[in-house]
Amino acid sequence: MEALHASFRSQPCFVCEVVSGTNDLPQHFVYEDDEIVAFLDAFPKAYGYTLVAPRKHREQVTKDFTREEYLRVQAVVYGVTEAVREEVGAERMYVYAFGSNEGNAHVHWHVVPLPPGVPYEEQQGAWASWDKGVLEISRQEMADLAGRIGRRM
């Protein structure tokens, strides 16, 4: 995880690389149009963990958008969240906007499903924490999952 965070601070914008197709990691898109992309997190902390971002590099969660642009992105966040919830049978869904001016600056929303039965102490921010590590999911399963979520969109 330290190497990943170091890359966020020293490498080109990972979201811009995903959008341009120059990122080395396999990309599993669940949705894309001319303005917005949604793809499974390459380092998922939960099954179905999805990122939603504008194609254009923007850094501020509201300031860099007109009201109409922001509402358009949020409409996609809503659609992705519902598709993930339905596909993985989540008990609850979390939506976060993370990032930093020091790295990982391209604004993006994390759509995080909470499966049934997770103890209260492990819910909320703890559920999406880097401290819990990442799931090992094969490329084929990620591709299949992305396809199923995408079809629900």
N, C-alpha and C. Protein backbone atom coordinates (compact mmCIF):
# COMPACT_ATOMS: atom_id res chain seq x y z
N MET A 1 0.81 -1.18 0.00
CA MET A 1 0.00 0.00 0.00
C MET A 1 0.87 1.26 0.00
N GLU A 2 2.02 1.17 0.67
CA GLU A 2 2.92 2.33 0.67
C GLU A 2 3.37 2.65 -0.75
N ALA A 3 3.67 1.63 -1.54
CA ALA A 3 4.10 1.84 -2.93
C ALA A 3 2.97 2.46 -3.75
N LEU A 4 1.75 2.03 -3.52
CA LEU A 4 0.61 2.58 -4.24
C LEU A 4 0.45 4.06 -3.92
N HIS A 5 0.50 4.40 -2.64
CA HIS A 5 0.36 5.80 -2.26
C HIS A 5 1.53 6.64 -2.75
N ALA A 6 2.73 6.08 -2.78
CA ALA A 6 3.87 6.80 -3.33
C ALA A 6 3.66 7.07 -4.82
N SER A 7 3.08 6.11 -5.52
CA SER A 7 2.83 6.31 -6.95
C SER A 7 1.79 7.40 -7.18
N PHE A 8 0.78 7.49 -6.30
CA PHE A 8 -0.21 8.56 -6.42
C PHE A 8 0.45 9.93 -6.37
N ARG A 9 1.54 10.03 -5.60
CA ARG A 9 2.20 11.32 -5.40
C ARG A 9 3.28 11.60 -6.44
N SER A 10 3.75 10.57 -7.13
CA SER A 10 4.89 10.77 -8.03
C SER A 10 4.61 10.43 -9.49
N GLN A 11 3.56 9.70 -9.76
CA GLN A 11 3.25 9.26 -11.12
C GLN A 11 2.16 10.14 -11.73
N PRO A 12 1.97 10.04 -13.04
CA PRO A 12 0.86 10.76 -13.67
C PRO A 12 -0.48 10.34 -13.05
N CYS A 13 -1.49 11.14 -13.23
CA CYS A 13 -2.81 10.90 -12.68
C CYS A 13 -3.34 9.54 -13.13
N PHE A 14 -3.68 8.69 -12.17
CA PHE A 14 -4.12 7.35 -12.53
C PHE A 14 -5.48 7.37 -13.23
N VAL A 15 -6.38 8.28 -12.86
CA VAL A 15 -7.67 8.33 -13.53
C VAL A 15 -7.49 8.78 -14.98
N CYS A 16 -6.65 9.77 -15.21
CA CYS A 16 -6.38 10.20 -16.59
C CYS A 16 -5.78 9.05 -17.40
N GLU A 17 -4.92 8.25 -16.76
CA GLU A 17 -4.35 7.09 -17.45
C GLU A 17 -5.42 6.05 -17.76
N VAL A 18 -6.34 5.83 -16.84
CA VAL A 18 -7.44 4.88 -17.09
C VAL A 18 -8.26 5.38 -18.28
N VAL A 19 -8.61 6.67 -18.26
CA VAL A 19 -9.42 7.25 -19.34
C VAL A 19 -8.72 7.14 -20.69
N SER A 20 -7.40 7.38 -20.70
CA SER A 20 -6.65 7.35 -21.96
C SER A 20 -6.23 5.94 -22.37
N GLY A 21 -6.39 4.97 -21.47
CA GLY A 21 -5.99 3.59 -21.78
C GLY A 21 -4.52 3.33 -21.61
N THR A 22 -3.81 4.20 -20.89
CA THR A 22 -2.36 4.02 -20.71
C THR A 22 -1.99 3.45 -19.35
N ASN A 23 -2.97 3.14 -18.51
CA ASN A 23 -2.69 2.56 -17.20
C ASN A 23 -2.31 1.10 -17.38
N ASP A 24 -1.31 0.63 -16.64
CA ASP A 24 -0.82 -0.74 -16.76
C ASP A 24 -1.77 -1.77 -16.15
N LEU A 25 -2.62 -1.35 -15.25
CA LEU A 25 -3.50 -2.30 -14.59
C LEU A 25 -4.68 -2.64 -15.50
N PRO A 26 -5.20 -3.85 -15.39
CA PRO A 26 -6.39 -4.18 -16.19
C PRO A 26 -7.57 -3.33 -15.73
N GLN A 27 -8.28 -2.79 -16.68
CA GLN A 27 -9.44 -1.94 -16.37
C GLN A 27 -10.71 -2.71 -16.66
N HIS A 28 -11.61 -2.65 -15.72
CA HIS A 28 -12.89 -3.34 -15.85
C HIS A 28 -14.00 -2.29 -15.73
N PHE A 29 -14.38 -1.76 -16.88
CA PHE A 29 -15.37 -0.70 -16.92
C PHE A 29 -16.78 -1.27 -16.70
N VAL A 30 -17.57 -0.57 -15.90
CA VAL A 30 -18.97 -0.92 -15.73
C VAL A 30 -19.86 0.06 -16.47
N TYR A 31 -19.31 1.25 -16.76
CA TYR A 31 -20.06 2.28 -17.47
C TYR A 31 -19.07 3.28 -18.07
N GLU A 32 -19.41 3.80 -19.23
CA GLU A 32 -18.65 4.92 -19.78
C GLU A 32 -19.48 5.63 -20.84
N ASP A 33 -19.32 6.95 -20.86
CA ASP A 33 -19.91 7.77 -21.91
C ASP A 33 -18.89 8.85 -22.25
N ASP A 34 -19.28 9.88 -22.95
CA ASP A 34 -18.34 10.91 -23.38
C ASP A 34 -17.78 11.74 -22.24
N GLU A 35 -18.46 11.74 -21.08
CA GLU A 35 -18.06 12.60 -19.98
C GLU A 35 -17.62 11.87 -18.72
N ILE A 36 -18.09 10.64 -18.52
CA ILE A 36 -17.93 9.96 -17.24
C ILE A 36 -17.53 8.50 -17.46
N VAL A 37 -16.70 7.98 -16.56
CA VAL A 37 -16.35 6.56 -16.56
C VAL A 37 -16.61 5.98 -15.17
N ALA A 38 -16.91 4.70 -15.15
CA ALA A 38 -17.04 3.95 -13.90
C ALA A 38 -16.36 2.61 -14.11
N PHE A 39 -15.48 2.26 -13.18
CA PHE A 39 -14.70 1.03 -13.33
C PHE A 39 -14.44 0.41 -11.97
N LEU A 40 -14.26 -0.90 -11.97
CA LEU A 40 -13.95 -1.59 -10.72
C LEU A 40 -12.58 -1.16 -10.23
N ASP A 41 -12.47 -0.97 -8.93
CA ASP A 41 -11.20 -0.63 -8.31
C ASP A 41 -10.24 -1.79 -8.52
N ALA A 42 -9.05 -1.50 -8.99
CA ALA A 42 -8.05 -2.55 -9.23
C ALA A 42 -7.53 -3.14 -7.93
N PHE A 43 -7.72 -2.43 -6.81
CA PHE A 43 -7.30 -2.90 -5.49
C PHE A 43 -8.52 -2.88 -4.56
N PRO A 44 -9.51 -3.73 -4.83
CA PRO A 44 -10.78 -3.63 -4.10
C PRO A 44 -10.68 -4.08 -2.64
N LYS A 45 -11.31 -3.30 -1.80
CA LYS A 45 -11.42 -3.66 -0.40
C LYS A 45 -12.76 -4.33 -0.12
N ALA A 46 -13.63 -4.33 -1.11
CA ALA A 46 -14.93 -4.99 -1.03
C ALA A 46 -15.30 -5.48 -2.43
N TYR A 47 -16.06 -6.55 -2.48
CA TYR A 47 -16.48 -7.13 -3.75
C TYR A 47 -17.48 -6.20 -4.42
N GLY A 48 -17.13 -5.67 -5.59
CA GLY A 48 -17.96 -4.73 -6.31
C GLY A 48 -17.54 -3.28 -6.12
N TYR A 49 -16.46 -3.05 -5.40
CA TYR A 49 -15.95 -1.68 -5.15
C TYR A 49 -15.67 -1.02 -6.49
N THR A 50 -16.34 0.11 -6.75
CA THR A 50 -16.31 0.76 -8.05
C THR A 50 -15.96 2.23 -7.90
N LEU A 51 -15.23 2.77 -8.87
CA LEU A 51 -14.88 4.19 -8.91
C LEU A 51 -15.63 4.86 -10.06
N VAL A 52 -16.11 6.06 -9.81
CA VAL A 52 -16.81 6.87 -10.82
C VAL A 52 -16.08 8.19 -10.93
N ALA A 53 -15.74 8.60 -12.15
CA ALA A 53 -14.96 9.83 -12.33
C ALA A 53 -15.33 10.52 -13.64
N PRO A 54 -15.15 11.84 -13.66
CA PRO A 54 -15.29 12.53 -14.94
C PRO A 54 -14.08 12.18 -15.82
N ARG A 55 -14.28 12.14 -17.12
CA ARG A 55 -13.14 11.90 -18.02
C ARG A 55 -12.15 13.06 -17.96
N LYS A 56 -12.69 14.26 -17.91
CA LYS A 56 -11.85 15.45 -17.86
C LYS A 56 -11.23 15.58 -16.47
N HIS A 57 -9.94 15.90 -16.43
CA HIS A 57 -9.26 16.04 -15.15
C HIS A 57 -9.82 17.23 -14.38
N ARG A 58 -10.47 16.92 -13.28
CA ARG A 58 -11.00 17.93 -12.37
C ARG A 58 -10.59 17.51 -10.97
N GLU A 59 -10.32 18.49 -10.13
CA GLU A 59 -9.78 18.17 -8.82
C GLU A 59 -10.69 18.47 -7.64
N GLN A 60 -11.60 19.38 -7.79
CA GLN A 60 -12.48 19.76 -6.68
C GLN A 60 -13.84 19.10 -6.84
N VAL A 61 -14.35 18.54 -5.76
CA VAL A 61 -15.56 17.73 -5.81
C VAL A 61 -16.79 18.51 -6.26
N THR A 62 -16.83 19.81 -6.03
CA THR A 62 -17.94 20.62 -6.52
C THR A 62 -17.45 21.85 -7.29
N LYS A 63 -16.43 22.49 -6.83
CA LYS A 63 -15.96 23.76 -7.40
C LYS A 63 -15.63 23.67 -8.89
N ASP A 64 -15.10 22.55 -9.35
CA ASP A 64 -14.68 22.42 -10.74
C ASP A 64 -15.81 22.01 -11.69
N PHE A 65 -17.03 21.98 -11.20
CA PHE A 65 -18.19 21.58 -11.99
C PHE A 65 -19.24 22.69 -11.99
N THR A 66 -19.95 22.80 -13.09
CA THR A 66 -21.18 23.58 -13.03
C THR A 66 -22.20 22.73 -12.28
N ARG A 67 -23.27 23.33 -11.87
CA ARG A 67 -24.32 22.58 -11.18
C ARG A 67 -24.83 21.44 -12.06
N GLU A 68 -25.03 21.73 -13.33
CA GLU A 68 -25.54 20.71 -14.25
C GLU A 68 -24.55 19.57 -14.43
N GLU A 69 -23.26 19.90 -14.56
CA GLU A 69 -22.23 18.85 -14.70
C GLU A 69 -22.18 17.98 -13.44
N TYR A 70 -22.23 18.62 -12.28
CA TYR A 70 -22.18 17.87 -11.02
C TYR A 70 -23.39 16.94 -10.91
N LEU A 71 -24.56 17.44 -11.22
CA LEU A 71 -25.75 16.61 -11.13
C LEU A 71 -25.70 15.45 -12.13
N ARG A 72 -25.09 15.67 -13.29
CA ARG A 72 -24.92 14.59 -14.27
C ARG A 72 -24.02 13.49 -13.71
N VAL A 73 -22.90 13.89 -13.09
CA VAL A 73 -22.01 12.90 -12.47
C VAL A 73 -22.76 12.16 -11.37
N GLN A 74 -23.48 12.88 -10.55
CA GLN A 74 -24.20 12.24 -9.45
C GLN A 74 -25.29 11.29 -9.94
N ALA A 75 -25.88 11.59 -11.08
CA ALA A 75 -26.85 10.65 -11.66
C ALA A 75 -26.17 9.33 -12.01
N VAL A 76 -24.94 9.40 -12.52
CA VAL A 76 -24.20 8.17 -12.82
C VAL A 76 -23.79 7.48 -11.52
N VAL A 77 -23.34 8.24 -10.52
CA VAL A 77 -23.00 7.64 -9.22
C VAL A 77 -24.22 6.88 -8.68
N TYR A 78 -25.38 7.49 -8.77
CA TYR A 78 -26.61 6.83 -8.32
C TYR A 78 -26.84 5.51 -9.08
N GLY A 79 -26.75 5.58 -10.40
CA GLY A 79 -26.98 4.38 -11.21
C GLY A 79 -25.98 3.28 -10.91
N VAL A 80 -24.71 3.63 -10.77
CA VAL A 80 -23.68 2.65 -10.44
C VAL A 80 -23.94 2.06 -9.05
N THR A 81 -24.26 2.93 -8.10
CA THR A 81 -24.50 2.46 -6.73
C THR A 81 -25.64 1.45 -6.69
N GLU A 82 -26.72 1.75 -7.36
CA GLU A 82 -27.86 0.83 -7.39
C GLU A 82 -27.51 -0.47 -8.11
N ALA A 83 -26.78 -0.37 -9.21
CA ALA A 83 -26.39 -1.58 -9.95
C ALA A 83 -25.48 -2.47 -9.10
N VAL A 84 -24.52 -1.87 -8.41
CA VAL A 84 -23.62 -2.65 -7.54
C VAL A 84 -24.43 -3.26 -6.40
N ARG A 85 -25.29 -2.47 -5.75
CA ARG A 85 -26.09 -2.97 -4.64
C ARG A 85 -26.90 -4.19 -5.05
N GLU A 86 -27.55 -4.08 -6.19
CA GLU A 86 -28.37 -5.20 -6.67
C GLU A 86 -27.52 -6.41 -7.02
N GLU A 87 -26.39 -6.18 -7.68
CA GLU A 87 -25.56 -7.30 -8.14
C GLU A 87 -24.92 -8.07 -7.00
N VAL A 88 -24.43 -7.39 -5.99
CA VAL A 88 -23.70 -8.08 -4.93
C VAL A 88 -24.54 -8.32 -3.68
N GLY A 89 -25.79 -7.85 -3.68
CA GLY A 89 -26.65 -8.08 -2.52
C GLY A 89 -26.20 -7.34 -1.28
N ALA A 90 -25.75 -6.10 -1.44
CA ALA A 90 -25.23 -5.33 -0.32
C ALA A 90 -26.32 -4.98 0.68
N GLU A 91 -25.94 -4.99 1.94
CA GLU A 91 -26.83 -4.56 3.01
C GLU A 91 -26.96 -3.04 3.02
N ARG A 92 -25.87 -2.38 2.66
CA ARG A 92 -25.81 -0.92 2.65
C ARG A 92 -24.74 -0.52 1.64
N MET A 93 -24.89 0.68 1.11
CA MET A 93 -23.89 1.20 0.17
C MET A 93 -23.27 2.46 0.76
N TYR A 94 -21.97 2.61 0.55
CA TYR A 94 -21.25 3.81 0.95
C TYR A 94 -20.76 4.51 -0.31
N VAL A 95 -20.81 5.83 -0.31
CA VAL A 95 -20.29 6.63 -1.41
C VAL A 95 -19.37 7.68 -0.81
N TYR A 96 -18.11 7.65 -1.24
CA TYR A 96 -17.10 8.57 -0.74
C TYR A 96 -16.46 9.31 -1.91
N ALA A 97 -16.00 10.52 -1.67
CA ALA A 97 -15.15 11.22 -2.62
C ALA A 97 -13.83 11.48 -1.90
N PHE A 98 -12.79 10.77 -2.31
CA PHE A 98 -11.47 10.92 -1.70
C PHE A 98 -10.55 11.63 -2.68
N GLY A 99 -9.36 11.95 -2.22
CA GLY A 99 -8.35 12.56 -3.06
C GLY A 99 -7.53 13.54 -2.25
N SER A 100 -6.50 14.06 -2.87
CA SER A 100 -5.60 14.99 -2.20
C SER A 100 -4.97 15.89 -3.25
N ASN A 101 -4.71 17.13 -2.89
CA ASN A 101 -4.00 18.02 -3.80
C ASN A 101 -2.56 17.58 -3.98
N GLU A 102 -2.06 16.73 -3.09
CA GLU A 102 -0.67 16.25 -3.15
C GLU A 102 -0.52 15.00 -3.99
N GLY A 103 -1.59 14.43 -4.44
CA GLY A 103 -1.54 13.21 -5.23
C GLY A 103 -2.91 12.59 -5.27
N ASN A 104 -3.22 11.84 -6.32
CA ASN A 104 -4.54 11.25 -6.46
C ASN A 104 -5.59 12.36 -6.53
N ALA A 105 -5.25 13.42 -7.27
CA ALA A 105 -6.05 14.65 -7.26
C ALA A 105 -7.29 14.61 -8.14
N HIS A 106 -7.32 13.78 -9.16
CA HIS A 106 -8.48 13.69 -10.07
C HIS A 106 -9.69 13.25 -9.24
N VAL A 107 -10.70 14.09 -9.18
CA VAL A 107 -11.85 13.78 -8.35
C VAL A 107 -12.52 12.49 -8.84
N HIS A 108 -12.88 11.66 -7.88
CA HIS A 108 -13.57 10.42 -8.19
C HIS A 108 -14.34 9.97 -6.95
N TRP A 109 -15.42 9.26 -7.21
CA TRP A 109 -16.28 8.78 -6.14
C TRP A 109 -16.09 7.28 -5.99
N HIS A 110 -15.98 6.84 -4.75
CA HIS A 110 -15.86 5.43 -4.41
C HIS A 110 -17.25 4.92 -4.06
N VAL A 111 -17.66 3.89 -4.75
CA VAL A 111 -18.95 3.24 -4.50
C VAL A 111 -18.61 1.90 -3.84
N VAL A 112 -18.96 1.79 -2.55
CA VAL A 112 -18.49 0.66 -1.74
C VAL A 112 -19.65 -0.11 -1.15
N PRO A 113 -19.82 -1.38 -1.54
CA PRO A 113 -20.90 -2.19 -0.97
C PRO A 113 -20.50 -2.80 0.37
N LEU A 114 -21.44 -2.82 1.29
CA LEU A 114 -21.26 -3.49 2.57
C LEU A 114 -22.12 -4.75 2.54
N PRO A 115 -21.49 -5.93 2.58
CA PRO A 115 -22.29 -7.15 2.55
C PRO A 115 -23.01 -7.37 3.89
N PRO A 116 -24.04 -8.19 3.89
CA PRO A 116 -24.73 -8.49 5.14
C PRO A 116 -23.79 -9.16 6.14
N GLY A 117 -24.02 -8.89 7.41
CA GLY A 117 -23.31 -9.60 8.48
C GLY A 117 -22.00 -8.99 8.93
N VAL A 118 -21.60 -7.86 8.40
CA VAL A 118 -20.35 -7.24 8.85
C VAL A 118 -20.61 -6.60 10.22
N PRO A 119 -19.78 -6.91 11.22
CA PRO A 119 -19.99 -6.32 12.55
C PRO A 119 -19.91 -4.80 12.50
N TYR A 120 -20.68 -4.15 13.36
CA TYR A 120 -20.76 -2.69 13.39
C TYR A 120 -19.38 -2.04 13.44
N GLU A 121 -18.48 -2.58 14.23
CA GLU A 121 -17.15 -1.99 14.39
C GLU A 121 -16.35 -1.98 13.09
N GLU A 122 -16.72 -2.82 12.14
CA GLU A 122 -16.01 -2.90 10.87
C GLU A 122 -16.73 -2.16 9.75
N GLN A 123 -17.82 -1.49 10.07
CA GLN A 123 -18.59 -0.78 9.06
C GLN A 123 -18.10 0.66 8.92
N GLN A 124 -18.80 1.41 8.11
CA GLN A 124 -18.55 2.81 7.83
C GLN A 124 -17.13 3.00 7.28
N GLY A 125 -16.38 3.97 7.77
CA GLY A 125 -15.05 4.24 7.22
C GLY A 125 -14.09 3.06 7.33
N ALA A 126 -14.26 2.24 8.36
CA ALA A 126 -13.37 1.09 8.54
C ALA A 126 -13.52 0.09 7.39
N TRP A 127 -14.74 0.01 6.80
CA TRP A 127 -14.98 -0.97 5.75
C TRP A 127 -14.16 -0.68 4.50
N ALA A 128 -13.93 0.57 4.19
CA ALA A 128 -13.18 0.94 2.98
C ALA A 128 -11.73 1.28 3.28
N SER A 129 -11.28 1.01 4.47
CA SER A 129 -9.93 1.37 4.90
C SER A 129 -8.86 0.54 4.18
N TRP A 130 -7.75 1.20 3.88
CA TRP A 130 -6.61 0.49 3.30
C TRP A 130 -6.06 -0.50 4.31
N ASP A 131 -6.31 -0.30 5.59
CA ASP A 131 -5.77 -1.18 6.63
C ASP A 131 -6.28 -2.61 6.52
N LYS A 132 -7.43 -2.79 5.94
CA LYS A 132 -7.98 -4.15 5.85
C LYS A 132 -7.44 -4.93 4.65
N GLY A 133 -6.59 -4.30 3.85
CA GLY A 133 -6.01 -4.98 2.71
C GLY A 133 -6.96 -5.00 1.52
N VAL A 134 -6.60 -5.78 0.52
CA VAL A 134 -7.41 -5.86 -0.69
C VAL A 134 -7.81 -7.31 -0.96
N LEU A 135 -8.92 -7.46 -1.65
CA LEU A 135 -9.39 -8.79 -2.02
C LEU A 135 -8.57 -9.31 -3.20
N GLU A 136 -8.36 -10.59 -3.23
CA GLU A 136 -7.73 -11.25 -4.37
C GLU A 136 -8.85 -11.77 -5.27
N ILE A 137 -9.05 -11.10 -6.39
CA ILE A 137 -10.10 -11.50 -7.33
C ILE A 137 -9.44 -11.67 -8.71
N SER A 138 -9.69 -12.78 -9.35
CA SER A 138 -9.06 -13.04 -10.64
C SER A 138 -9.52 -12.02 -11.68
N ARG A 139 -8.70 -11.84 -12.71
CA ARG A 139 -9.06 -10.94 -13.81
C ARG A 139 -10.37 -11.37 -14.46
N GLN A 140 -10.55 -12.67 -14.62
CA GLN A 140 -11.77 -13.16 -15.25
C GLN A 140 -12.99 -12.83 -14.40
N GLU A 141 -12.89 -13.03 -13.09
CA GLU A 141 -14.02 -12.71 -12.21
C GLU A 141 -14.29 -11.21 -12.21
N MET A 142 -13.23 -10.39 -12.23
CA MET A 142 -13.42 -8.93 -12.29
C MET A 142 -14.13 -8.56 -13.60
N ALA A 143 -13.72 -9.15 -14.70
CA ALA A 143 -14.36 -8.87 -15.98
C ALA A 143 -15.83 -9.31 -15.96
N ASP A 144 -16.11 -10.49 -15.41
CA ASP A 144 -17.47 -10.98 -15.32
C ASP A 144 -18.33 -10.05 -14.44
N LEU A 145 -17.78 -9.65 -13.29
CA LEU A 145 -18.49 -8.78 -12.38
C LEU A 145 -18.79 -7.43 -13.03
N ALA A 146 -17.79 -6.86 -13.71
CA ALA A 146 -17.99 -5.59 -14.40
C ALA A 146 -19.10 -5.71 -15.43
N GLY A 147 -19.12 -6.81 -16.16
CA GLY A 147 -20.17 -7.02 -17.15
C GLY A 147 -21.55 -7.11 -16.53
N ARG A 148 -21.64 -7.83 -15.41
CA ARG A 148 -22.94 -7.96 -14.74
C ARG A 148 -23.43 -6.62 -14.19
N ILE A 149 -22.53 -5.86 -13.58
CA ILE A 149 -22.91 -4.53 -13.08
C ILE A 149 -23.32 -3.63 -14.23
N GLY A 150 -22.53 -3.66 -15.29
CA GLY A 150 -22.83 -2.84 -16.45
C GLY A 150 -24.19 -3.14 -17.05
N ARG A 151 -24.55 -4.40 -17.10
CA ARG A 151 -25.86 -4.77 -17.64
C ARG A 151 -26.99 -4.26 -16.76
N ARG A 152 -26.75 -4.15 -15.47
CA ARG A 152 -27.77 -3.61 -14.56
C ARG A 152 -27.93 -2.10 -14.70
N MET A 153 -26.92 -1.46 -15.28
CA MET A 153 -27.01 0.00 -15.48
C MET A 153 -28.07 0.29 -16.53
